[in-house]
């Protein structure tokens, strides 16, 4: 085993190994690229559009295209990461100004 993976007789997993296990890296990549935005899109439809009303949600999903749901989830996910980057940038600038 690699010295980096094994310290003091135990395995230490890195973040990359947790997010992408060796044998299942492609499967997890598909999961991250396809399924997560699709799930976020359905959460957006259920929470924001249908206001937690299951009857409205099922009516929307009956007429809705899966690609459209994925696109909404992808945009929501991208907005989330954009806001995180923006917040980190602002805190970095404020930290530099205070010094």
PDB file of N, CA and C in Angstrom:
ATOM      1  N   UNK A   1       0.821  -1.186   0.000  1.00  0.00           N
ATOM      2  CA  UNK A   1       0.000   0.000   0.000  1.00  0.00           C
ATOM      3  C   UNK A   1       0.866   1.251   0.000  1.00  0.00           C
ATOM      4  N   UNK A   2       0.322   2.314  -0.467  1.00  0.00           N
ATOM      5  CA  UNK A   2       1.023   3.586  -0.561  1.00  0.00           C
ATOM      6  C   UNK A   2       1.255   4.166   0.837  1.00  0.00           C
ATOM      7  N   UNK A   3       2.437   4.779   1.042  1.00  0.00           N
ATOM      8  CA  UNK A   3       2.735   5.381   2.348  1.00  0.00           C
ATOM      9  C   UNK A   3       1.761   6.495   2.690  1.00  0.00           C
ATOM     10  N   UNK A   4       1.327   7.217   1.647  1.00  0.00           N
ATOM     11  CA  UNK A   4       0.405   8.326   1.889  1.00  0.00           C
ATOM     12  C   UNK A   4      -0.952   7.809   2.370  1.00  0.00           C
ATOM     13  N   UNK A   5      -1.359   6.649   1.856  1.00  0.00           N
ATOM     14  CA  UNK A   5      -2.641   6.082   2.257  1.00  0.00           C
ATOM     15  C   UNK A   5      -2.580   5.424   3.631  1.00  0.00           C
ATOM     16  N   UNK A   6      -1.385   4.946   3.989  1.00  0.00           N
ATOM     17  CA  UNK A   6      -1.283   4.185   5.230  1.00  0.00           C
ATOM     18  C   UNK A   6      -0.355   4.894   6.205  1.00  0.00           C
ATOM     19  N   UNK A   7      -0.911   5.343   7.309  1.00  0.00           N
ATOM     20  CA  UNK A   7      -0.137   5.960   8.383  1.00  0.00           C
ATOM     21  C   UNK A   7      -0.492   5.243   9.669  1.00  0.00           C
ATOM     22  N   UNK A   8       0.532   4.852  10.390  1.00  0.00           N
ATOM     23  CA  UNK A   8       0.353   4.191  11.685  1.00  0.00           C
ATOM     24  C   UNK A   8      -0.564   2.976  11.600  1.00  0.00           C
ATOM     25  N   UNK A   9      -0.460   2.218  10.536  1.00  0.00           N
ATOM     26  CA  UNK A   9      -1.203   0.974  10.428  1.00  0.00           C
ATOM     27  C   UNK A   9      -2.665   1.111  10.076  1.00  0.00           C
ATOM     28  N   UNK A  10      -3.118   2.260   9.624  1.00  0.00           N
ATOM     29  CA  UNK A  10      -4.528   2.410   9.245  1.00  0.00           C
ATOM     30  C   UNK A  10      -4.610   3.151   7.916  1.00  0.00           C
ATOM     31  N   UNK A  11      -5.710   2.974   7.240  1.00  0.00           N
ATOM     32  CA  UNK A  11      -5.908   3.628   5.953  1.00  0.00           C
ATOM     33  C   UNK A  11      -6.498   5.012   6.163  1.00  0.00           C
ATOM     34  N   UNK A  12      -5.936   5.992   5.512  1.00  0.00           N
ATOM     35  CA  UNK A  12      -6.475   7.344   5.520  1.00  0.00           C
ATOM     36  C   UNK A  12      -7.001   7.648   4.132  1.00  0.00           C
ATOM     37  N   UNK A  13      -8.275   7.902   4.032  1.00  0.00           N
ATOM     38  CA  UNK A  13      -8.879   8.199   2.744  1.00  0.00           C
ATOM     39  C   UNK A  13      -8.803   9.690   2.462  1.00  0.00           C
ATOM     40  N   UNK A  14      -8.461  10.018   1.236  1.00  0.00           N
ATOM     41  CA  UNK A  14      -8.478  11.417   0.834  1.00  0.00           C
ATOM     42  C   UNK A  14      -9.859  11.762   0.314  1.00  0.00           C
ATOM     43  N   UNK A  15     -10.113  13.047   0.108  1.00  0.00           N
ATOM     44  CA  UNK A  15     -11.413  13.483  -0.393  1.00  0.00           C
ATOM     45  C   UNK A  15     -11.693  12.910  -1.769  1.00  0.00           C
ATOM     46  N   UNK A  16     -10.678  12.840  -2.607  1.00  0.00           N
ATOM     47  CA  UNK A  16     -10.856  12.287  -3.947  1.00  0.00           C
ATOM     48  C   UNK A  16     -11.265  10.827  -3.886  1.00  0.00           C
ATOM     49  N   UNK A  17     -10.681  10.077  -2.975  1.00  0.00           N
ATOM     50  CA  UNK A  17     -11.032   8.663  -2.841  1.00  0.00           C
ATOM     51  C   UNK A  17     -12.433   8.472  -2.280  1.00  0.00           C
ATOM     52  N   UNK A  18     -12.886   9.404  -1.472  1.00  0.00           N
ATOM     53  CA  UNK A  18     -14.244   9.308  -0.931  1.00  0.00           C
ATOM     54  C   UNK A  18     -15.259   9.665  -2.019  1.00  0.00           C
ATOM     55  N   UNK A  19     -14.987  10.731  -2.778  1.00  0.00           N
ATOM     56  CA  UNK A  19     -15.925  11.146  -3.821  1.00  0.00           C
ATOM     57  C   UNK A  19     -15.900  10.226  -5.030  1.00  0.00           C
ATOM     58  N   UNK A  20     -14.736   9.685  -5.359  1.00  0.00           N
ATOM     59  CA  UNK A  20     -14.576   8.801  -6.510  1.00  0.00           C
ATOM     60  C   UNK A  20     -13.833   7.537  -6.098  1.00  0.00           C
ATOM     61  N   UNK A  21     -14.544   6.524  -5.584  1.00  0.00           N
ATOM     62  CA  UNK A  21     -13.869   5.268  -5.243  1.00  0.00           C
ATOM     63  C   UNK A  21     -13.220   4.658  -6.490  1.00  0.00           C
ATOM     64  N   UNK A  22     -12.121   3.930  -6.301  1.00  0.00           N
ATOM     65  CA  UNK A  22     -11.317   3.444  -7.420  1.00  0.00           C
ATOM     66  C   UNK A  22     -12.116   2.684  -8.467  1.00  0.00           C
ATOM     67  N   UNK A  23     -12.858   1.701  -8.081  1.00  0.00           N
ATOM     68  CA  UNK A  23     -13.560   0.851  -9.043  1.00  0.00           C
ATOM     69  C   UNK A  23     -14.836   1.487  -9.579  1.00  0.00           C
ATOM     70  N   UNK A  24     -15.383   2.460  -8.873  1.00  0.00           N
ATOM     71  CA  UNK A  24     -16.669   3.025  -9.252  1.00  0.00           C
ATOM     72  C   UNK A  24     -16.583   4.495  -9.653  1.00  0.00           C
ATOM     73  N   UNK A  25     -15.442   4.957 -10.096  1.00  0.00           N
ATOM     74  CA  UNK A  25     -15.242   6.378 -10.399  1.00  0.00           C
ATOM     75  C   UNK A  25     -16.175   6.850 -11.511  1.00  0.00           C
ATOM     76  N   UNK A  26     -16.322   6.072 -12.568  1.00  0.00           N
ATOM     77  CA  UNK A  26     -17.191   6.479 -13.684  1.00  0.00           C
ATOM     78  C   UNK A  26     -18.654   6.501 -13.265  1.00  0.00           C
ATOM     79  N   UNK A  27     -19.053   5.538 -12.472  1.00  0.00           N
ATOM     80  CA  UNK A  27     -20.428   5.500 -11.995  1.00  0.00           C
ATOM     81  C   UNK A  27     -20.743   6.706 -11.121  1.00  0.00           C
ATOM     82  N   UNK A  28     -19.825   7.056 -10.241  1.00  0.00           N
ATOM     83  CA  UNK A  28     -20.035   8.215  -9.376  1.00  0.00           C
ATOM     84  C   UNK A  28     -19.999   9.510 -10.171  1.00  0.00           C
ATOM     85  N   UNK A  29     -19.179   9.568 -11.207  1.00  0.00           N
ATOM     86  CA  UNK A  29     -19.136  10.743 -12.062  1.00  0.00           C
ATOM     87  C   UNK A  29     -20.473  10.941 -12.770  1.00  0.00           C
ATOM     88  N   UNK A  30     -21.052   9.863 -13.263  1.00  0.00           N
ATOM     89  CA  UNK A  30     -22.385   9.939 -13.874  1.00  0.00           C
ATOM     90  C   UNK A  30     -23.404  10.383 -12.839  1.00  0.00           C
ATOM     91  N   UNK A  31     -23.279   9.858 -11.634  1.00  0.00           N
ATOM     92  CA  UNK A  31     -24.186  10.243 -10.562  1.00  0.00           C
ATOM     93  C   UNK A  31     -24.103  11.733 -10.287  1.00  0.00           C
ATOM     94  N   UNK A  32     -22.878  12.255 -10.197  1.00  0.00           N
ATOM     95  CA  UNK A  32     -22.704  13.671  -9.885  1.00  0.00           C
ATOM     96  C   UNK A  32     -23.166  14.564 -11.029  1.00  0.00           C
ATOM     97  N   UNK A  33     -22.947  14.162 -12.255  1.00  0.00           N
ATOM     98  CA  UNK A  33     -23.276  15.012 -13.400  1.00  0.00           C
ATOM     99  C   UNK A  33     -24.752  14.925 -13.775  1.00  0.00           C
ATOM    100  N   UNK A  34     -25.336  13.753 -13.670  1.00  0.00           N
ATOM    101  CA  UNK A  34     -26.704  13.563 -14.151  1.00  0.00           C
ATOM    102  C   UNK A  34     -27.731  13.589 -13.028  1.00  0.00           C
ATOM    103  N   UNK A  35     -27.539  12.777 -12.028  1.00  0.00           N
ATOM    104  CA  UNK A  35     -28.597  12.600 -11.034  1.00  0.00           C
ATOM    105  C   UNK A  35     -28.742  13.754 -10.054  1.00  0.00           C
ATOM    106  N   UNK A  36     -27.647  14.350  -9.623  1.00  0.00           N
ATOM    107  CA  UNK A  36     -27.761  15.426  -8.635  1.00  0.00           C
ATOM    108  C   UNK A  36     -28.525  16.628  -9.196  1.00  0.00           C
ATOM    109  N   UNK A  37     -28.206  17.136 -10.401  1.00  0.00           N
ATOM    110  CA  UNK A  37     -29.027  18.235 -10.928  1.00  0.00           C
ATOM    111  C   UNK A  37     -30.487  17.834 -11.153  1.00  0.00           C
ATOM    112  N   UNK A  38     -30.722  16.585 -11.537  1.00  0.00           N
ATOM    113  CA  UNK A  38     -32.092  16.116 -11.742  1.00  0.00           C
ATOM    114  C   UNK A  38     -32.866  16.129 -10.419  1.00  0.00           C
ATOM    115  N   UNK A  39     -32.233  15.682  -9.353  1.00  0.00           N
ATOM    116  CA  UNK A  39     -32.876  15.672  -8.033  1.00  0.00           C
ATOM    117  C   UNK A  39     -33.102  17.107  -7.547  1.00  0.00           C
ATOM    118  N   UNK A  40     -32.109  17.977  -7.748  1.00  0.00           N
ATOM    119  CA  UNK A  40     -32.257  19.384  -7.355  1.00  0.00           C
ATOM    120  C   UNK A  40     -33.390  20.038  -8.141  1.00  0.00           C
ATOM    121  N   UNK A  41     -33.522  19.692  -9.418  1.00  0.00           N
ATOM    122  CA  UNK A  41     -34.627  20.217 -10.229  1.00  0.00           C
ATOM    123  C   UNK A  41     -35.979  19.782  -9.695  1.00  0.00           C
ATOM    124  N   UNK A  42     -36.092  18.523  -9.310  1.00  0.00           N
ATOM    125  CA  UNK A  42     -37.357  18.055  -8.729  1.00  0.00           C
ATOM    126  C   UNK A  42     -37.626  18.707  -7.379  1.00  0.00           C
ATOM    127  N   UNK A  43     -36.592  18.914  -6.584  1.00  0.00           N
ATOM    128  CA  UNK A  43     -36.784  19.625  -5.310  1.00  0.00           C
ATOM    129  C   UNK A  43     -37.250  21.056  -5.545  1.00  0.00           C
ATOM    130  N   UNK A  44     -36.695  21.710  -6.569  1.00  0.00           N
ATOM    131  CA  UNK A  44     -37.130  23.056  -6.922  1.00  0.00           C
ATOM    132  C   UNK A  44     -38.593  23.055  -7.365  1.00  0.00           C
ATOM    133  N   UNK A  45     -38.967  22.086  -8.194  1.00  0.00           N
ATOM    134  CA  UNK A  45     -40.368  21.991  -8.625  1.00  0.00           C
ATOM    135  C   UNK A  45     -41.303  21.762  -7.442  1.00  0.00           C
ATOM    136  N   UNK A  46     -40.899  20.890  -6.529  1.00  0.00           N
ATOM    137  CA  UNK A  46     -41.771  20.552  -5.409  1.00  0.00           C
ATOM    138  C   UNK A  46     -41.854  21.673  -4.384  1.00  0.00           C
ATOM    139  N   UNK A  47     -40.718  22.314  -4.086  1.00  0.00           N
ATOM    140  CA  UNK A  47     -40.727  23.320  -3.026  1.00  0.00           C
ATOM    141  C   UNK A  47     -41.174  24.685  -3.508  1.00  0.00           C
ATOM    142  N   UNK A  48     -40.587  25.164  -4.589  1.00  0.00           N
ATOM    143  CA  UNK A  48     -40.834  26.547  -5.005  1.00  0.00           C
ATOM    144  C   UNK A  48     -42.027  26.681  -5.958  1.00  0.00           C
ATOM    145  N   UNK A  49     -42.100  25.826  -6.934  1.00  0.00           N
ATOM    146  CA  UNK A  49     -43.158  25.944  -7.932  1.00  0.00           C
ATOM    147  C   UNK A  49     -44.493  25.445  -7.381  1.00  0.00           C
ATOM    148  N   UNK A  50     -44.526  24.228  -6.816  1.00  0.00           N
ATOM    149  CA  UNK A  50     -45.797  23.670  -6.357  1.00  0.00           C
ATOM    150  C   UNK A  50     -46.108  23.977  -4.905  1.00  0.00           C
ATOM    151  N   UNK A  51     -45.195  24.660  -4.198  1.00  0.00           N
ATOM    152  CA  UNK A  51     -45.406  25.081  -2.800  1.00  0.00           C
ATOM    153  C   UNK A  51     -45.789  23.905  -1.892  1.00  0.00           C
ATOM    154  N   UNK A  52     -45.068  22.777  -2.018  1.00  0.00           N
ATOM    155  CA  UNK A  52     -45.241  21.571  -1.216  1.00  0.00           C
ATOM    156  C   UNK A  52     -46.604  20.906  -1.405  1.00  0.00           C
ATOM    157  N   UNK A  53     -47.291  21.224  -2.477  1.00  0.00           N
ATOM    158  CA  UNK A  53     -48.572  20.590  -2.783  1.00  0.00           C
ATOM    159  C   UNK A  53     -48.302  19.433  -3.731  1.00  0.00           C
ATOM    160  N   UNK A  54     -48.515  18.208  -3.252  1.00  0.00           N
ATOM    161  CA  UNK A  54     -48.166  17.032  -4.032  1.00  0.00           C
ATOM    162  C   UNK A  54     -49.026  16.883  -5.280  1.00  0.00           C
ATOM    163  N   UNK A  55     -50.296  17.309  -5.227  1.00  0.00           N
ATOM    164  CA  UNK A  55     -51.167  17.215  -6.401  1.00  0.00           C
ATOM    165  C   UNK A  55     -50.670  18.120  -7.530  1.00  0.00           C
ATOM    166  N   UNK A  56     -50.277  19.327  -7.191  1.00  0.00           N
ATOM    167  CA  UNK A  56     -49.738  20.255  -8.185  1.00  0.00           C
ATOM    168  C   UNK A  56     -48.416  19.722  -8.726  1.00  0.00           C
ATOM    169  N   UNK A  57     -47.595  19.185  -7.842  1.00  0.00           N
ATOM    170  CA  UNK A  57     -46.298  18.640  -8.253  1.00  0.00           C
ATOM    171  C   UNK A  57     -46.465  17.497  -9.252  1.00  0.00           C
ATOM    172  N   UNK A  58     -47.370  16.572  -8.974  1.00  0.00           N
ATOM    173  CA  UNK A  58     -47.577  15.458  -9.904  1.00  0.00           C
ATOM    174  C   UNK A  58     -48.160  15.935 -11.222  1.00  0.00           C
ATOM    175  N   UNK A  59     -48.995  16.966 -11.194  1.00  0.00           N
ATOM    176  CA  UNK A  59     -49.526  17.512 -12.442  1.00  0.00           C
ATOM    177  C   UNK A  59     -48.419  18.165 -13.271  1.00  0.00           C
ATOM    178  N   UNK A  60     -47.513  18.856 -12.605  1.00  0.00           N
ATOM    179  CA  UNK A  60     -46.390  19.478 -13.314  1.00  0.00           C
ATOM    180  C   UNK A  60     -45.469  18.411 -13.886  1.00  0.00           C
ATOM    181  N   UNK A  61     -45.169  17.389 -13.099  1.00  0.00           N
ATOM    182  CA  UNK A  61     -44.253  16.337 -13.555  1.00  0.00           C
ATOM    183  C   UNK A  61     -44.855  15.494 -14.672  1.00  0.00           C
ATOM    184  N   UNK A  62     -46.181  15.389 -14.712  1.00  0.00           N
ATOM    185  CA  UNK A  62     -46.819  14.619 -15.779  1.00  0.00           C
ATOM    186  C   UNK A  62     -46.617  15.300 -17.126  1.00  0.00           C
ATOM    187  N   UNK A  63     -46.581  16.622 -17.154  1.00  0.00           N
ATOM    188  CA  UNK A  63     -46.415  17.364 -18.402  1.00  0.00           C
ATOM    189  C   UNK A  63     -44.987  17.829 -18.625  1.00  0.00           C
ATOM    190  N   UNK A  64     -44.119  17.669 -17.640  1.00  0.00           N
ATOM    191  CA  UNK A  64     -42.777  18.220 -17.697  1.00  0.00           C
ATOM    192  C   UNK A  64     -41.808  17.259 -18.382  1.00  0.00           C
ATOM    193  N   UNK A  65     -40.867  17.821 -19.105  1.00  0.00           N
ATOM    194  CA  UNK A  65     -39.827  17.065 -19.748  1.00  0.00           C
ATOM    195  C   UNK A  65     -38.688  16.823 -18.755  1.00  0.00           C
ATOM    196  N   UNK A  66     -38.085  15.662 -18.774  1.00  0.00           N
ATOM    197  CA  UNK A  66     -36.996  15.338 -17.844  1.00  0.00           C
ATOM    198  C   UNK A  66     -35.773  16.215 -18.079  1.00  0.00           C
ATOM    199  N   UNK A  67     -35.515  16.564 -19.336  1.00  0.00           N
ATOM    200  CA  UNK A  67     -34.363  17.417 -19.640  1.00  0.00           C
ATOM    201  C   UNK A  67     -34.574  18.805 -19.040  1.00  0.00           C
ATOM    202  N   UNK A  68     -35.810  19.299 -19.084  1.00  0.00           N
ATOM    203  CA  UNK A  68     -36.114  20.595 -18.492  1.00  0.00           C
ATOM    204  C   UNK A  68     -35.893  20.565 -16.981  1.00  0.00           C
ATOM    205  N   UNK A  69     -36.292  19.485 -16.340  1.00  0.00           N
ATOM    206  CA  UNK A  69     -36.069  19.337 -14.902  1.00  0.00           C
ATOM    207  C   UNK A  69     -34.577  19.306 -14.595  1.00  0.00           C
ATOM    208  N   UNK A  70     -33.809  18.583 -15.407  1.00  0.00           N
ATOM    209  CA  UNK A  70     -32.366  18.528 -15.209  1.00  0.00           C
ATOM    210  C   UNK A  70     -31.752  19.916 -15.382  1.00  0.00           C
ATOM    211  N   UNK A  71     -32.206  20.661 -16.388  1.00  0.00           N
ATOM    212  CA  UNK A  71     -31.666  22.009 -16.632  1.00  0.00           C
ATOM    213  C   UNK A  71     -31.963  22.946 -15.463  1.00  0.00           C
ATOM    214  N   UNK A  72     -33.162  22.862 -14.914  1.00  0.00           N
ATOM    215  CA  UNK A  72     -33.488  23.692 -13.748  1.00  0.00           C
ATOM    216  C   UNK A  72     -32.592  23.337 -12.565  1.00  0.00           C
ATOM    217  N   UNK A  73     -32.376  22.051 -12.348  1.00  0.00           N
ATOM    218  CA  UNK A  73     -31.512  21.616 -11.253  1.00  0.00           C
ATOM    219  C   UNK A  73     -30.068  22.019 -11.479  1.00  0.00           C
ATOM    220  N   UNK A  74     -29.621  21.931 -12.725  1.00  0.00           N
ATOM    221  CA  UNK A  74     -28.251  22.328 -13.044  1.00  0.00           C
ATOM    222  C   UNK A  74     -28.058  23.812 -12.782  1.00  0.00           C
ATOM    223  N   UNK A  75     -29.016  24.615 -13.195  1.00  0.00           N
ATOM    224  CA  UNK A  75     -28.920  26.065 -12.962  1.00  0.00           C
ATOM    225  C   UNK A  75     -28.985  26.387 -11.473  1.00  0.00           C
ATOM    226  N   UNK A  76     -29.813  25.681 -10.729  1.00  0.00           N
ATOM    227  CA  UNK A  76     -29.865  25.880  -9.282  1.00  0.00           C
ATOM    228  C   UNK A  76     -28.564  25.498  -8.611  1.00  0.00           C
ATOM    229  N   UNK A  77     -27.979  24.401  -9.048  1.00  0.00           N
ATOM    230  CA  UNK A  77     -26.699  23.945  -8.515  1.00  0.00           C
ATOM    231  C   UNK A  77     -25.595  24.943  -8.868  1.00  0.00           C
ATOM    232  N   UNK A  78     -25.603  25.432 -10.114  1.00  0.00           N
ATOM    233  CA  UNK A  78     -24.603  26.415 -10.543  1.00  0.00           C
ATOM    234  C   UNK A  78     -24.758  27.716  -9.760  1.00  0.00           C
ATOM    235  N   UNK A  79     -25.984  28.137  -9.519  1.00  0.00           N
ATOM    236  CA  UNK A  79     -26.226  29.342  -8.733  1.00  0.00           C
ATOM    237  C   UNK A  79     -25.702  29.178  -7.314  1.00  0.00           C
ATOM    238  N   UNK A  80     -25.910  28.014  -6.738  1.00  0.00           N
ATOM    239  CA  UNK A  80     -25.416  27.727  -5.389  1.00  0.00           C
ATOM    240  C   UNK A  80     -23.899  27.872  -5.323  1.00  0.00           C
ATOM    241  N   UNK A  81     -23.190  27.259  -6.278  1.00  0.00           N
ATOM    242  CA  UNK A  81     -21.735  27.358  -6.279  1.00  0.00           C
ATOM    243  C   UNK A  81     -21.258  28.764  -6.605  1.00  0.00           C
ATOM    244  N   UNK A  82     -21.976  29.476  -7.468  1.00  0.00           N
ATOM    245  CA  UNK A  82     -21.625  30.862  -7.757  1.00  0.00           C
ATOM    246  C   UNK A  82     -21.731  31.720  -6.504  1.00  0.00           C
ATOM    247  N   UNK A  83     -22.789  31.510  -5.722  1.00  0.00           N
ATOM    248  CA  UNK A  83     -22.953  32.268  -4.477  1.00  0.00           C
ATOM    249  C   UNK A  83     -21.854  31.935  -3.476  1.00  0.00           C
ATOM    250  N   UNK A  84     -21.453  30.688  -3.409  1.00  0.00           N
ATOM    251  CA  UNK A  84     -20.366  30.310  -2.510  1.00  0.00           C
ATOM    252  C   UNK A  84     -19.075  31.006  -2.912  1.00  0.00           C
ATOM    253  N   UNK A  85     -18.752  31.003  -4.216  1.00  0.00           N
ATOM    254  CA  UNK A  85     -17.546  31.668  -4.696  1.00  0.00           C
ATOM    255  C   UNK A  85     -17.617  33.163  -4.428  1.00  0.00           C
ATOM    256  N   UNK A  86     -18.789  33.756  -4.625  1.00  0.00           N
ATOM    257  CA  UNK A  86     -18.971  35.185  -4.384  1.00  0.00           C
ATOM    258  C   UNK A  86     -18.775  35.526  -2.912  1.00  0.00           C
ATOM    259  N   UNK A  87     -19.330  34.733  -2.029  1.00  0.00           N
ATOM    260  CA  UNK A  87     -19.194  34.968  -0.592  1.00  0.00           C
ATOM    261  C   UNK A  87     -17.738  34.823  -0.150  1.00  0.00           C
ATOM    262  N   UNK A  88     -17.060  33.792  -0.660  1.00  0.00           N
ATOM    263  CA  UNK A  88     -15.652  33.613  -0.320  1.00  0.00           C
ATOM    264  C   UNK A  88     -14.821  34.779  -0.834  1.00  0.00           C
ATOM    265  N   UNK A  89     -15.126  35.257  -2.033  1.00  0.00           N
ATOM    266  CA  UNK A  89     -14.392  36.400  -2.592  1.00  0.00           C
ATOM    267  C   UNK A  89     -14.608  37.659  -1.765  1.00  0.00           C
ATOM    268  N   UNK A  90     -15.842  37.907  -1.370  1.00  0.00           N
ATOM    269  CA  UNK A  90     -16.142  39.100  -0.578  1.00  0.00           C
ATOM    270  C   UNK A  90     -15.459  39.026   0.779  1.00  0.00           C
ATOM    271  N   UNK A  91     -15.502  37.861   1.426  1.00  0.00           N
ATOM    272  CA  UNK A  91     -14.838  37.747   2.729  1.00  0.00           C
ATOM    273  C   UNK A  91     -13.325  37.883   2.591  1.00  0.00           C
ATOM    274  N   UNK A  92     -12.771  37.433   1.480  1.00  0.00           N
ATOM    275  CA  UNK A  92     -11.339  37.581   1.241  1.00  0.00           C
ATOM    276  C   UNK A  92     -10.968  39.057   1.065  1.00  0.00           C
ATOM    277  N   UNK A  93     -11.783  39.799   0.310  1.00  0.00           N
ATOM    278  CA  UNK A  93     -11.522  41.230   0.102  1.00  0.00           C
ATOM    279  C   UNK A  93     -11.683  41.987   1.418  1.00  0.00           C
ATOM    280  N   UNK A  94     -12.716  41.672   2.175  1.00  0.00           N
ATOM    281  CA  UNK A  94     -12.928  42.347   3.463  1.00  0.00           C
ATOM    282  C   UNK A  94     -11.782  42.020   4.412  1.00  0.00           C
ATOM    283  N   UNK A  95     -11.294  40.795   4.405  1.00  0.00           N
ATOM    284  CA  UNK A  95     -10.166  40.424   5.251  1.00  0.00           C
ATOM    285  C   UNK A  95      -8.901  41.172   4.888  1.00  0.00           C
ATOM    286  N   UNK A  96      -8.687  41.402   3.597  1.00  0.00           N
ATOM    287  CA  UNK A  96      -7.501  42.156   3.168  1.00  0.00           C
ATOM    288  C   UNK A  96      -7.615  43.615   3.536  1.00  0.00           C
ATOM    289  N   UNK A  97      -8.822  44.188   3.468  1.00  0.00           N
ATOM    290  CA  UNK A  97      -9.012  45.590   3.807  1.00  0.00           C
ATOM    291  C   UNK A  97      -8.777  45.823   5.291  1.00  0.00           C
ATOM    292  N   UNK A  98      -9.184  44.880   6.127  1.00  0.00           N
ATOM    293  CA  UNK A  98      -9.013  45.025   7.577  1.00  0.00           C
ATOM    294  C   UNK A  98      -7.554  44.964   7.995  1.00  0.00           C
ATOM    295  N   UNK A  99      -6.708  44.322   7.202  1.00  0.00           N
ATOM    296  CA  UNK A  99      -5.289  44.201   7.572  1.00  0.00           C
ATOM    297  C   UNK A  99      -4.609  45.458   7.370  1.00  0.00           C
TER     298      UNK A  99
END
